[in-house]
Protein backbone atom coordinates (compact mmCIF):
# COMPACT_ATOMS: atom_id res chain seq x y z
CA MET A 1 130.52 32.27 133.31
CA THR A 2 131.96 32.82 129.97
CA SER A 3 134.05 35.86 129.50
CA ASN A 4 133.65 37.98 126.32
CA ARG A 5 137.05 39.52 126.83
CA ALA A 6 138.56 36.92 124.60
CA PHE A 7 136.94 38.67 121.58
CA THR A 8 139.34 41.53 121.51
CA ARG A 9 139.32 43.63 118.30
CA PRO A 10 142.25 41.83 116.61
CA ARG A 11 140.77 38.41 117.28
CA LEU A 12 137.37 39.59 116.07
CA ARG A 13 139.03 40.84 112.89
CA ARG A 14 140.67 37.46 112.36
CA LEU A 15 137.36 35.66 112.90
CA LEU A 16 135.52 37.87 110.47
CA CYS A 17 138.33 37.32 107.97
CA SER A 18 138.01 33.56 108.35
CA LEU A 19 134.25 33.69 107.93
CA PHE A 20 134.75 35.73 104.77
CA ILE A 21 137.18 33.16 103.33
CA VAL A 22 134.77 30.32 104.08
CA ALA A 23 131.94 32.24 102.47
CA ALA A 24 134.10 32.98 99.45
CA ALA A 25 134.98 29.31 99.09
CA ILE A 26 131.32 28.33 99.28
CA ALA A 27 130.50 30.99 96.72
CA ALA A 28 133.26 29.72 94.45
CA LEU A 29 131.93 26.18 94.63
CA GLY A 30 128.47 27.48 93.88
CA ALA A 31 129.85 29.50 91.00
CA PHE A 32 131.60 26.41 89.58
CA GLY A 33 128.36 24.49 89.78
CA SER A 34 126.34 27.30 88.31
CA SER A 35 129.03 27.81 85.64
CA ARG A 36 128.74 24.17 84.62
CA ALA A 37 124.98 24.49 84.72
CA GLY A 38 125.33 27.70 82.75
CA ASN A 39 127.42 25.92 80.13
CA GLN A 40 124.74 23.30 79.93
CA GLY A 41 122.15 26.04 79.76
CA SER A 42 118.41 25.66 79.67
CA PRO A 43 116.97 22.53 78.04
CA PRO A 44 116.64 24.22 74.62
CA GLU A 45 120.23 25.53 74.87
CA GLN A 46 121.49 22.13 75.98
CA ALA A 47 119.69 20.53 73.04
CA THR A 48 121.43 22.98 70.70
CA ILE A 49 124.82 22.10 72.18
CA ALA A 50 124.09 18.40 71.75
CA THR A 51 123.35 18.88 68.05
CA LYS A 52 126.86 20.32 67.60
CA ILE A 53 128.51 17.19 69.03
CA ALA A 54 128.85 14.14 66.76
CA PRO A 55 127.32 10.88 68.07
CA TRP A 56 130.76 9.21 67.99
CA VAL A 57 132.07 11.82 70.45
CA MET A 58 129.09 11.34 72.78
CA GLU A 59 129.58 7.58 72.73
CA HIS A 60 133.34 7.60 73.26
CA THR A 61 133.29 10.15 76.09
CA ALA A 62 130.46 8.46 78.00
CA ASN A 63 131.05 7.26 81.57
CA GLY A 64 134.04 9.53 82.09
CA GLN A 65 136.02 8.31 79.07
CA GLN A 66 138.52 10.51 77.25
CA ALA A 67 138.58 10.69 73.46
CA GLU A 68 140.13 12.68 70.65
CA PHE A 69 137.81 15.03 68.79
CA PHE A 70 137.95 18.03 66.50
CA VAL A 71 136.48 21.38 67.41
CA VAL A 72 135.72 23.05 64.10
CA LEU A 73 135.52 26.81 64.18
CA ALA A 74 132.57 28.58 62.63
CA ASP A 75 134.75 31.11 60.81
CA GLN A 76 136.35 29.35 57.83
CA ALA A 77 138.50 30.99 55.17
CA ASP A 78 136.95 32.12 51.89
CA LEU A 79 139.03 30.64 49.06
CA GLY A 80 136.84 31.84 46.21
CA GLY A 81 139.42 34.34 44.98
CA ALA A 82 141.82 31.56 43.96
CA ALA A 83 139.64 30.53 41.01
CA ALA A 84 140.53 33.63 38.99
CA LEU A 85 144.29 33.21 39.42
CA PRO A 86 145.97 31.71 36.35
CA THR A 87 148.90 29.72 37.78
CA LYS A 88 149.42 27.06 40.40
CA LYS A 89 151.99 29.22 42.16
CA GLU A 90 149.49 32.06 42.53
CA LYS A 91 146.63 29.75 43.52
CA GLY A 92 148.74 27.92 46.07
CA ARG A 93 150.05 31.08 47.73
CA TYR A 94 146.59 32.64 47.88
CA VAL A 95 145.01 29.55 49.44
CA TYR A 96 147.83 28.97 51.92
CA ASP A 97 147.85 32.59 53.08
CA ALA A 98 144.05 32.74 53.40
CA LEU A 99 143.89 29.54 55.46
CA TRP A 100 146.89 30.32 57.64
CA ASN A 101 145.81 33.88 58.36
CA LYS A 102 142.29 32.77 59.26
CA SER A 103 143.58 30.17 61.72
CA GLN A 104 145.94 32.68 63.32
CA ALA A 105 143.18 35.27 63.65
CA THR A 106 140.57 33.00 65.20
CA GLN A 107 142.15 30.12 67.13
CA GLY A 108 144.03 32.13 69.77
CA PRO A 109 141.34 32.30 72.49
CA VAL A 110 140.53 28.60 72.15
CA LEU A 111 144.20 27.56 72.22
CA GLN A 112 144.72 29.65 75.36
CA TRP A 113 141.67 28.06 77.00
CA LEU A 114 142.99 24.57 76.21
CA SER A 115 146.51 25.38 77.39
CA GLU A 116 145.28 26.81 80.70
CA ARG A 117 143.55 23.49 81.38
CA GLY A 118 146.51 21.37 80.35
CA LEU A 119 144.57 19.66 77.57
CA GLU A 120 146.38 17.89 74.73
CA HIS A 121 145.65 19.58 71.42
CA GLN A 122 146.93 20.08 67.86
CA SER A 123 146.09 23.03 65.64
CA PHE A 124 145.25 22.71 61.93
CA TYR A 125 144.78 25.39 59.31
CA ILE A 126 143.76 23.58 56.10
CA VAL A 127 140.53 23.12 58.05
CA ASN A 128 140.16 25.80 60.73
CA ALA A 129 140.00 23.22 63.51
CA ILE A 130 141.77 21.99 66.62
CA LEU A 131 142.22 18.37 67.65
CA VAL A 132 141.57 17.96 71.38
CA LYS A 133 141.81 15.05 73.79
CA GLY A 134 139.21 15.46 76.53
CA SER A 135 136.04 14.43 78.27
CA LEU A 136 132.38 14.94 77.43
CA GLU A 137 132.34 17.96 79.75
CA ILE A 138 135.17 19.55 77.75
CA ALA A 139 133.39 18.77 74.49
CA GLU A 140 130.19 20.37 75.79
CA MET A 141 132.02 23.46 77.05
CA LEU A 142 133.69 23.91 73.67
CA ALA A 143 130.46 23.27 71.76
CA ALA A 144 128.76 25.95 73.84
CA ARG A 145 131.14 28.59 72.52
CA PRO A 146 129.62 30.79 69.82
CA ASP A 147 132.82 30.58 67.74
CA MET A 148 132.51 26.79 67.43
CA ALA A 149 130.54 25.22 64.58
CA ARG A 150 130.70 21.57 65.63
CA VAL A 151 132.61 18.88 67.49
CA GLU A 152 133.54 15.79 65.45
CA GLY A 153 135.30 12.56 66.28
CA ASN A 154 138.78 11.30 65.43
CA PRO A 155 138.08 7.56 65.16
CA HIS A 156 140.70 4.97 64.24
CA ILE A 157 139.73 3.54 60.85
CA GLN A 158 140.95 0.18 59.60
CA ASN A 159 140.88 0.43 55.83
CA SER A 160 139.76 -2.71 54.03
CA PHE A 161 142.73 -3.09 51.73
CA PRO A 162 143.41 -5.90 49.27
CA GLN A 163 146.03 -8.36 50.40
CA PRO A 164 148.99 -8.57 48.05
CA GLY A 165 149.78 -11.67 46.10
CA ALA A 166 153.09 -13.42 46.60
CA ALA A 167 155.93 -11.00 45.92
CA THR A 168 158.32 -11.90 43.13
CA GLU A 169 161.86 -10.69 42.65
CA ALA A 170 162.66 -9.01 39.35
CA PRO A 171 166.16 -9.05 37.87
CA SER A 172 168.28 -6.41 39.55
CA GLN A 173 170.15 -5.64 36.32
CA PRO A 174 168.40 -3.50 33.70
CA GLY A 175 167.09 -5.26 30.68
CA ALA A 176 164.55 -4.90 27.94
CA PRO A 177 161.00 -4.54 29.32
CA ALA A 178 159.29 -7.92 29.46
CA THR A 179 156.05 -6.09 28.76
CA ILE A 180 154.15 -2.98 29.68
CA GLU A 181 151.54 -3.84 32.29
CA PRO A 182 148.10 -4.60 30.78
CA GLY A 183 146.35 -1.84 32.69
CA ILE A 184 148.84 0.73 31.42
CA ASN A 185 148.37 -0.49 27.87
CA TYR A 186 144.59 -0.41 28.17
CA THR A 187 144.60 3.31 28.95
CA HIS A 188 146.72 3.94 25.82
CA ALA A 189 149.45 5.57 27.86
CA PRO A 190 152.26 4.06 25.73
CA GLN A 191 150.92 5.85 22.66
CA VAL A 192 151.13 9.12 24.59
CA TRP A 193 154.74 8.36 25.51
CA ALA A 194 155.43 7.86 21.81
CA LEU A 195 154.22 11.42 21.24
CA GLY A 196 156.88 12.64 23.66
CA PHE A 197 154.82 13.04 26.84
CA ASN A 198 155.53 10.92 29.89
CA GLY A 199 154.61 13.13 32.84
CA GLN A 200 157.67 15.37 32.67
CA ASN A 201 157.54 18.45 34.91
CA ILE A 202 154.65 17.03 36.98
CA VAL A 203 154.83 16.00 40.65
CA VAL A 204 152.51 13.28 41.95
CA ALA A 205 152.05 12.83 45.70
CA SER A 206 150.90 9.67 47.45
CA ALA A 207 149.03 9.67 50.78
CA ASP A 208 149.10 6.05 51.84
CA THR A 209 150.94 3.49 53.99
CA GLY A 210 154.21 5.11 52.93
CA GLN A 211 156.65 4.21 50.18
CA ARG A 212 159.79 2.12 49.90
CA TRP A 213 161.64 4.98 48.32
CA THR A 214 164.72 2.90 47.46
CA HIS A 215 162.70 0.54 45.24
CA ASN A 216 164.28 0.34 41.81
CA ALA A 217 161.07 1.45 40.10
CA LEU A 218 160.52 4.40 42.47
CA LYS A 219 163.92 5.76 43.46
CA PRO A 220 164.83 7.36 40.09
CA HIS A 221 161.55 9.28 40.18
CA TYR A 222 161.61 10.49 43.80
CA ARG A 223 161.82 14.27 43.95
CA GLY A 224 164.15 13.96 46.92
CA TRP A 225 166.77 11.97 44.97
CA ASN A 226 169.24 13.77 42.72
CA GLY A 227 171.07 10.64 41.60
CA VAL A 228 173.72 10.92 44.32
CA VAL A 229 172.14 11.87 47.66
CA ALA A 230 168.64 12.03 49.10
CA ASP A 231 167.00 15.09 50.62
CA HIS A 232 163.69 14.24 52.27
CA ASN A 233 162.89 17.82 53.30
CA TYR A 234 159.70 19.03 51.60
CA ASN A 235 159.38 15.59 49.94
CA TRP A 236 158.24 13.34 52.81
CA HIS A 237 156.15 13.58 55.96
CA ASP A 238 155.04 10.95 58.45
CA SER A 239 151.74 11.65 60.21
CA ILE A 240 152.02 8.49 62.32
CA HIS A 241 153.02 9.59 65.82
CA ASP A 242 151.55 7.02 68.18
CA SER A 243 151.72 3.55 66.63
CA VAL A 244 152.82 0.50 68.60
CA GLY A 245 155.04 -2.14 67.04
CA ASN A 246 154.95 -0.60 63.57
CA PRO A 247 157.89 -1.69 61.37
CA CYS A 248 158.47 1.93 60.35
CA GLY A 249 158.14 3.23 63.91
CA ASN A 250 156.77 6.73 64.46
CA ASN A 251 157.78 10.00 62.80
CA SER A 252 159.98 8.25 60.24
CA PRO A 253 162.55 10.74 58.89
CA GLN A 254 162.56 9.07 55.47
CA PRO A 255 159.91 7.38 53.31
CA CYS A 256 158.96 3.99 54.71
CA ASP A 257 156.08 1.66 53.80
CA ASP A 258 154.70 -0.41 56.68
CA PHE A 259 152.40 -2.57 54.53
CA PHE A 260 152.88 -2.59 50.71
CA HIS A 261 149.94 -0.53 49.58
CA GLY A 262 151.62 2.85 49.18
CA THR A 263 154.60 1.48 47.27
CA HIS A 264 152.20 -0.38 44.97
CA THR A 265 149.93 2.60 44.18
CA THR A 266 152.86 4.97 43.70
CA GLY A 267 154.43 2.48 41.31
CA THR A 268 151.29 2.33 39.17
CA ALA A 269 151.32 6.11 38.84
CA ILE A 270 155.00 6.74 38.02
CA GLY A 271 157.02 3.52 38.35
CA ASP A 272 159.69 2.39 35.91
CA ASP A 273 163.03 0.78 36.77
CA GLY A 274 164.52 1.69 33.39
CA GLY A 275 164.61 -1.97 32.46
CA SER A 276 162.20 -4.85 32.54
CA ASN A 277 159.53 -3.37 34.83
CA GLN A 278 157.49 -0.67 33.19
CA ILE A 279 154.69 -0.48 35.74
CA GLY A 280 153.72 3.21 35.78
CA MET A 281 151.47 5.47 33.76
CA ALA A 282 153.73 8.55 33.86
CA PRO A 283 157.36 7.44 34.27
CA GLY A 284 158.65 10.94 33.59
CA ALA A 285 156.85 12.42 36.60
CA LYS A 286 158.34 12.88 40.07
CA TRP A 287 156.74 11.74 43.33
CA ILE A 288 156.64 12.77 46.98
CA GLY A 289 154.91 11.00 49.85
CA CYS A 290 153.14 11.17 53.18
CA ARG A 291 152.27 8.23 55.43
CA ASN A 292 148.71 8.70 56.66
CA MET A 293 148.02 5.14 57.87
CA ASP A 294 149.54 2.78 60.41
CA GLN A 295 149.40 -0.50 58.44
CA GLY A 296 146.07 0.58 57.00
CA ASN A 297 144.79 2.19 60.21
CA GLY A 298 143.99 5.84 59.64
CA THR A 299 142.30 8.69 61.46
CA PRO A 300 140.83 11.97 60.21
CA ALA A 301 143.71 13.80 61.93
CA ARG A 302 146.30 11.72 60.06
CA TYR A 303 144.49 12.26 56.78
CA ILE A 304 144.21 16.03 57.31
CA GLU A 305 147.84 16.30 58.40
CA CYS A 306 148.98 14.81 55.09
CA MET A 307 146.66 17.06 53.10
CA GLU A 308 148.09 20.03 54.98
CA PHE A 309 151.63 18.86 54.16
CA PHE A 310 150.79 18.55 50.47
CA LEU A 311 149.25 22.03 50.39
CA ALA A 312 152.52 23.55 51.63
CA PRO A 313 155.32 20.99 52.17
CA TYR A 314 157.76 21.61 55.01
CA PRO A 315 161.05 20.09 56.24
CA VAL A 316 161.22 16.74 58.02
CA GLY A 317 160.29 17.35 61.64
CA GLY A 318 158.25 20.47 60.88
CA GLY A 319 158.88 24.07 59.92
CA GLN A 320 157.55 26.74 57.62
CA GLY A 321 155.38 25.43 54.80
CA ASP A 322 156.17 26.35 51.20
CA PRO A 323 153.21 26.22 48.81
CA THR A 324 155.53 26.53 45.81
CA LYS A 325 156.70 22.98 46.56
CA ALA A 326 153.18 21.53 46.52
CA PRO A 327 152.54 18.55 44.23
CA ASP A 328 150.29 18.79 41.20
CA ILE A 329 148.29 15.60 41.81
CA THR A 330 147.61 13.45 44.87
CA ILE A 331 146.75 9.73 45.01
CA ASN A 332 144.22 8.88 47.72
CA SER A 333 143.50 5.16 47.88
CA TRP A 334 141.97 5.26 51.37
CA GLY A 335 138.67 6.07 53.01
CA CYS A 336 137.12 7.34 56.24
CA PRO A 337 133.89 5.35 56.70
CA THR A 338 130.97 7.12 58.31
CA SER A 339 129.97 3.70 59.66
CA GLU A 340 133.10 3.79 61.84
CA GLY A 341 132.60 7.30 63.15
CA CYS A 342 133.91 9.63 60.45
CA SER A 343 131.59 12.59 60.09
CA VAL A 344 130.37 13.31 56.59
CA ASN A 345 132.05 16.69 56.27
CA THR A 346 135.17 16.46 58.51
CA LEU A 347 137.51 16.20 55.51
CA GLN A 348 135.52 18.26 53.02
CA ALA A 349 137.15 21.63 53.62
CA ALA A 350 140.64 20.10 53.29
CA VAL A 351 139.73 18.46 49.98
CA GLU A 352 138.24 21.69 48.66
CA ALA A 353 141.33 23.62 49.74
CA GLN A 354 143.56 21.37 47.63
CA ALA A 355 141.31 21.87 44.62
CA ALA A 356 141.31 25.64 45.14
CA ALA A 357 145.12 25.52 45.18
CA GLY A 358 145.15 23.73 41.80
CA ILE A 359 145.97 20.29 43.22
CA MET A 360 144.09 17.43 41.57
CA MET A 361 142.96 15.05 44.31
CA VAL A 362 142.24 11.62 42.79
CA VAL A 363 140.27 9.38 45.17
CA ALA A 364 139.29 5.71 45.20
CA ALA A 365 135.54 5.05 44.98
CA GLY A 366 135.81 2.25 47.53
CA ASN A 367 135.42 -1.52 47.48
CA SER A 368 131.85 -1.86 48.78
CA GLY A 369 130.11 -2.83 45.51
CA SER A 370 128.19 -4.23 43.80
CA ALA A 371 125.11 -2.53 45.23
CA CYS A 372 124.11 1.01 44.36
CA SER A 373 124.82 3.99 46.64
CA THR A 374 127.92 2.33 48.07
CA VAL A 375 130.20 5.32 47.46
CA THR A 376 129.79 6.26 51.11
CA ASP A 377 133.21 6.95 52.63
CA PRO A 378 134.69 10.43 52.74
CA PRO A 379 136.37 11.76 50.68
CA SER A 380 135.07 9.60 47.80
CA PHE A 381 131.69 11.29 47.36
CA TYR A 382 132.79 14.93 47.56
CA GLU A 383 132.30 17.02 44.45
CA ALA A 384 135.91 18.23 44.70
CA SER A 385 137.25 14.65 44.65
CA TYR A 386 137.99 13.10 41.26
CA THR A 387 136.70 9.63 42.04
CA ALA A 388 137.89 6.45 40.30
CA GLY A 389 135.98 3.22 39.85
CA ALA A 390 137.67 -0.08 38.97
CA LEU A 391 137.36 -2.09 35.77
CA ASN A 392 138.27 -5.71 35.32
CA THR A 393 141.64 -5.10 33.68
CA GLY A 394 141.60 -5.48 29.92
CA THR A 395 137.80 -5.28 29.70
CA ASP A 396 135.05 -2.69 29.79
CA THR A 397 133.21 -4.40 32.64
CA ILE A 398 133.07 -3.03 36.15
CA ALA A 399 134.82 -4.98 38.90
CA SER A 400 132.27 -6.53 41.24
CA PHE A 401 133.78 -4.82 44.30
CA SER A 402 133.83 -1.32 42.81
CA SER A 403 131.51 1.01 44.73
CA ARG A 404 128.62 2.60 42.87
CA GLY A 405 126.65 5.84 43.13
CA PRO A 406 124.59 7.81 43.53
CA ALA A 407 126.05 9.45 46.63
CA THR A 408 123.31 9.53 49.21
CA VAL A 409 125.20 9.72 52.49
CA ASP A 410 125.41 13.51 52.16
CA GLY A 411 121.96 13.85 50.59
CA SER A 412 123.41 15.13 47.30
CA GLY A 413 122.44 12.31 44.94
CA ARG A 414 125.71 13.11 43.16
CA ILE A 415 126.84 10.80 40.34
CA LYS A 416 129.91 8.83 41.40
CA PRO A 417 132.41 7.55 40.39
CA ASP A 418 133.62 10.20 37.95
CA ILE A 419 135.70 7.90 35.74
CA SER A 420 136.97 4.31 35.64
CA ALA A 421 140.32 2.60 35.11
CA PRO A 422 141.82 -0.89 35.27
CA GLY A 423 141.84 -2.18 38.85
CA THR A 424 142.20 -5.97 38.96
CA ASN A 425 145.34 -8.11 39.02
CA THR A 426 147.50 -5.01 38.85
CA ARG A 427 151.21 -5.74 39.05
CA SER A 428 153.30 -3.08 40.72
CA ALA A 429 156.11 -2.50 43.19
CA SER A 430 156.08 -4.05 46.66
CA ASN A 431 157.77 -3.02 49.90
CA THR A 432 159.57 -6.28 50.69
CA SER A 433 162.72 -5.45 48.71
CA ASP A 434 164.05 -3.00 46.15
CA ASN A 435 163.17 -5.30 43.25
CA ALA A 436 159.99 -6.94 44.57
CA TYR A 437 156.70 -6.85 42.66
CA THR A 438 153.23 -8.14 43.50
CA PHE A 439 149.66 -8.23 42.23
CA ALA A 440 146.67 -6.55 43.89
CA SER A 441 143.08 -5.63 43.02
CA GLY A 442 140.86 -2.78 44.18
CA THR A 443 139.76 0.74 43.41
CA SER A 444 143.06 1.53 45.13
CA MET A 445 144.72 0.21 41.97
CA ALA A 446 142.43 2.14 39.60
CA THR A 447 143.15 5.44 41.35
CA PRO A 448 146.86 5.75 40.41
CA HIS A 449 145.99 4.93 36.80
CA ILE A 450 143.87 8.10 36.79
CA ALA A 451 146.50 10.12 38.67
CA GLY A 452 149.10 9.05 36.14
CA ALA A 453 146.77 9.84 33.25
CA MET A 454 146.32 13.35 34.60
CA ALA A 455 150.11 13.72 34.80
CA LEU A 456 150.34 12.75 31.13
CA LEU A 457 147.62 15.22 30.20
CA TRP A 458 149.34 18.06 32.02
CA SER A 459 152.77 17.29 30.61
CA ALA A 460 151.26 17.28 27.11
CA MET A 461 149.07 20.33 27.65
CA PRO A 462 150.66 22.79 30.09
CA SER A 463 147.81 25.23 29.52
CA LEU A 464 145.51 22.83 31.39
CA GLN A 465 147.94 22.27 34.25
CA ASN A 466 146.30 22.80 37.65
CA GLN A 467 143.04 23.96 36.03
CA ILE A 468 140.92 21.42 37.85
CA ASP A 469 137.52 21.68 36.16
CA ALA A 470 138.90 21.96 32.63
CA SER A 471 141.26 19.03 33.17
CA ARG A 472 138.56 16.78 34.57
CA ALA A 473 136.40 17.71 31.59
CA ALA A 474 139.20 16.81 29.18
CA LEU A 475 139.58 13.32 30.65
CA ASN A 476 135.83 12.81 31.03
CA ASN A 477 134.94 13.87 27.49
CA ALA A 478 137.60 11.62 25.96
CA ALA A 479 136.68 8.57 28.04
CA VAL A 480 135.20 5.49 26.37
CA HIS A 481 131.55 5.60 27.45
CA ILE A 482 130.25 2.37 28.96
CA GLY A 483 126.50 2.42 29.40
CA SER A 484 124.78 1.04 32.50
CA THR A 485 121.32 1.44 33.96
CA GLN A 486 122.08 -0.53 37.12
CA CYS A 487 122.07 2.53 39.38
CA GLY A 488 120.23 5.12 37.30
CA ALA A 489 120.30 6.55 33.80
CA THR A 490 122.78 5.16 31.28
CA GLY A 491 124.53 8.51 30.92
CA PRO A 492 127.20 9.50 30.33
CA PRO A 493 127.97 9.83 33.13
CA ASN A 494 126.39 7.02 35.10
CA ASN A 495 126.70 5.67 38.64
CA VAL A 496 128.66 2.57 37.69
CA TYR A 497 131.40 3.76 35.31
CA GLY A 498 131.12 7.53 35.61
CA TRP A 499 132.11 8.98 32.26
CA GLY A 500 133.65 5.66 31.25
CA ARG A 501 137.05 4.08 30.77
CA VAL A 502 139.93 6.55 30.74
CA ASP A 503 141.60 6.94 27.34
CA ILE A 504 144.54 9.26 27.81
CA LEU A 505 145.57 9.15 24.15
CA ALA A 506 142.16 10.44 23.13
CA ALA A 507 142.32 13.15 25.79
CA VAL A 508 145.74 14.35 24.67
CA THR A 509 144.95 14.31 20.94
CA SER A 510 141.40 15.64 21.07
CA ALA A 511 141.68 18.36 23.70
CA SER A 512 142.40 21.94 22.77
CA PRO A 513 144.87 23.61 22.47
CA THR A 514 147.24 21.36 20.52
CA PRO A 515 149.63 19.45 22.78
CA THR A 516 153.10 20.94 23.00
CA PRO A 517 156.06 18.79 24.09
CA THR A 518 158.03 20.05 27.07
CA ALA A 519 161.56 19.23 28.14
CA THR A 520 162.03 15.94 29.95
CA PRO A 521 164.08 16.12 33.16
CA THR A 522 164.62 12.37 33.45
CA ALA A 523 166.44 9.94 31.25
CA THR A 524 163.57 7.55 30.58
CA PRO A 525 161.62 7.79 28.46
CA THR A 526 163.06 10.48 26.16
CA PRO A 527 160.76 12.74 24.09
CA THR A 528 160.66 11.90 20.43
CA ALA A 529 161.30 14.49 17.78
CA THR A 530 159.42 15.21 14.60
CA PRO A 531 160.11 12.29 12.25
CA GLY A 532 163.10 12.99 10.04
CA PRO A 533 164.49 11.33 6.92
CA ILE A 534 164.67 7.89 8.56
CA THR A 535 162.03 5.41 7.41
CA LEU A 536 161.12 2.36 9.50
CA ARG A 537 159.21 -0.87 8.89
CA GLY A 538 158.35 -3.56 11.40
CA GLN A 539 157.09 -7.13 11.21
CA GLY A 540 156.13 -9.48 14.04
CA LYS A 541 157.04 -13.14 14.30
CA LYS A 542 157.29 -15.92 16.90
CA VAL A 543 160.78 -17.04 17.86
CA GLY A 544 160.70 -19.95 20.29
CA GLY A 545 157.15 -18.92 21.16
CA ILE A 546 158.25 -15.36 22.06
CA ASN A 547 156.83 -12.32 20.30
CA THR A 548 159.73 -10.89 18.31
CA THR A 549 159.75 -7.82 16.09
CA ARG A 550 162.02 -7.48 13.08
CA LEU A 551 162.77 -3.82 12.42
CA LYS A 552 164.22 -2.50 9.17
CA TRP A 553 165.20 1.12 8.56
CA ARG A 554 167.10 3.34 6.18
CA GLY A 555 168.16 6.97 6.08
CA ALA A 556 170.08 7.15 9.37
CA THR A 557 173.61 8.54 9.08
CA SER A 558 174.98 7.93 12.60
CA ALA A 559 177.19 4.98 13.62
CA ASN A 560 174.51 3.70 16.01
CA VAL A 561 170.76 4.03 16.44
CA ASP A 562 168.54 3.97 19.52
CA VAL A 563 165.62 1.55 19.26
CA TYR A 564 162.48 2.72 21.09
CA ARG A 565 159.66 0.39 22.10
CA ASN A 566 156.59 2.19 23.46
CA GLY A 567 158.58 5.35 23.99
CA VAL A 568 161.50 3.81 25.92
CA VAL A 569 164.96 2.93 24.59
CA VAL A 570 165.35 -0.86 24.58
CA ALA A 571 168.62 -1.06 22.64
CA THR A 572 171.40 0.93 21.06
CA THR A 573 172.58 -1.00 18.04
CA PRO A 574 174.89 -0.53 15.01
CA ASN A 575 173.30 1.36 12.16
CA ASP A 576 173.11 -1.62 9.82
CA GLY A 577 169.39 -1.24 9.09
CA LEU A 578 168.25 -4.40 10.88
CA TYR A 579 167.32 -5.29 14.46
CA ASP A 580 165.31 -8.13 16.02
CA ASP A 581 163.56 -7.14 19.27
CA SER A 582 162.58 -10.02 21.55
CA THR A 583 159.74 -8.56 23.64
CA GLY A 584 159.64 -11.29 26.26
CA THR A 585 155.90 -11.75 25.74
CA SER A 586 154.13 -14.70 24.22
CA GLY A 587 150.43 -13.84 24.04
CA GLN A 588 148.39 -11.16 22.36
CA ALA A 589 150.26 -7.84 22.45
CA SER A 590 150.84 -4.58 20.62
CA PHE A 591 154.02 -2.49 20.48
CA MET A 592 154.95 0.86 18.98
CA TYR A 593 158.47 1.41 17.61
CA HIS A 594 160.65 4.15 16.29
CA VAL A 595 164.41 4.53 15.90
CA CYS A 596 166.60 7.60 16.31
CA GLU A 597 170.18 8.43 15.49
CA ALA A 598 171.89 7.58 18.80
CA GLY A 599 171.71 10.33 21.39
CA THR A 600 169.70 12.65 19.15
CA GLN A 601 166.12 13.43 18.27
CA THR A 602 166.59 12.71 14.59
CA CYS A 603 164.06 9.93 14.39
CA SER A 604 161.99 7.74 12.12
CA ASN A 605 158.29 7.36 11.71
CA THR A 606 156.44 5.26 14.30
CA VAL A 607 155.22 1.77 13.42
CA THR A 608 152.85 -0.47 15.36
CA VAL A 609 153.39 -4.22 15.45
CA ASN A 610 150.54 -6.45 16.65
CA PHE A 611 150.80 -10.06 17.86
CA GLY A 612 148.00 -12.57 18.07
CA PRO A 613 147.38 -15.03 20.93
């Protein structure tokens, strides 16, 4: 017989307590299951959630995989008020504050949710978005939130870059320029230098594979170099944090180029070693840099991180951003192909934020030609991107690889590219040594020609500086129209050449108001003054097959004179009225000369000397 005496009141209480705990646990498990089912929702709700998640994310989180993806918040900052502000400083501060404040006001609950679950994440503000590493379940739970607009992938993108030609070593000692690069000449940049404008007071930024900052053609123009010591704070950022075996490593504290591409494109925009290598469009401009690719391998997160750095640069290693240190122009010779998982609009808000802040974002059209509608990779087809197509250098024919419009990937039908520039056999700086140069072809090479042209325009016409629409119009309207019906109407603009071949001299001399010279902060080239009492004549001849110019002048009163070729001093010589300039070239060429009393701006007229083949 079983006794019931064992169930005394305390033991009964303990049993009931245990039963309650078991029931609570069962309820909790049921709640977890119903919560997950609730997140999934009814079939219509689940279908809505699925439409917010990019296909790349679905694919790369299938079967329990983990992947990196962006959760983009629905509430994005309104930057419209920046348009009415007159200066870059005001625009930049307005945009930075609006973006930062919006991210701080809206991301808190999501960041807390991610932290509580121990999920890796990184917050951005230039796009109100958070990069998350997680599973499909996490992506679905985030997509189900009403404050989330969409979930987009962070694929690794291998850019199809041109391979450099064999690098050559230039003389390490300064000397007279052998020649100005053909692409630079074809844009008429040297004639703008002769007017006294070389990019002074403009800062050009390069988002690329990095830069060899000590290169002879780059170092004098680096904003972080004062001629004695380097300060990389606010002038360099590395968005590569997880590479393996990269020659620059991760989080490089100083500019480093792991391929060659970034050194090359930066050189075409601003490069000049003060001697025999005049490779850049705007040698009076300064540059800063951000590495957004691991030997050509980029991700949307790396791209956005560099755009965020340019909007408000900060010290090496992180810190408070300062929009007053933002560059004026950025070079973007990279892409984020939708075919490899980049969503059409992942980068769009970041590009538009730079434009709102008065930063001109010049972007390569891509190398997917010659078919139409091949401008397909963000950010090339965005309206806010100033997109460059590539010409066969020295001609008005489009390079076969240059991507064409119209832009159809976003359904806009937008005409692209916007403008064209030389992009084949471009010689510029390389990353293998401080005096190495190499040749490369691509819309990557056309892009810095346009960035440099914009720097020249803004140094000549400060009233246009950081006024994006007006500045694009100035370059577009002055371009040499090249008709084509290959991909639509002949224009201008058209979907092969855009508005045509950039002609920076025409832009500077035809735009309004009248260009006004500004002070030059760098030694080369020096602004010319209004011609004084010195008169100059020039005559070309061949000496040993080399194009040589005989210059004759009178009216100078100083002991010595400075001889300028294409806006750069090539010699200081006794004031005896005669000088023979050996240009180092042998083929067809054209050079502009003037002379000044040494160390002054008391100068002669300008003469042009042409040489035949």
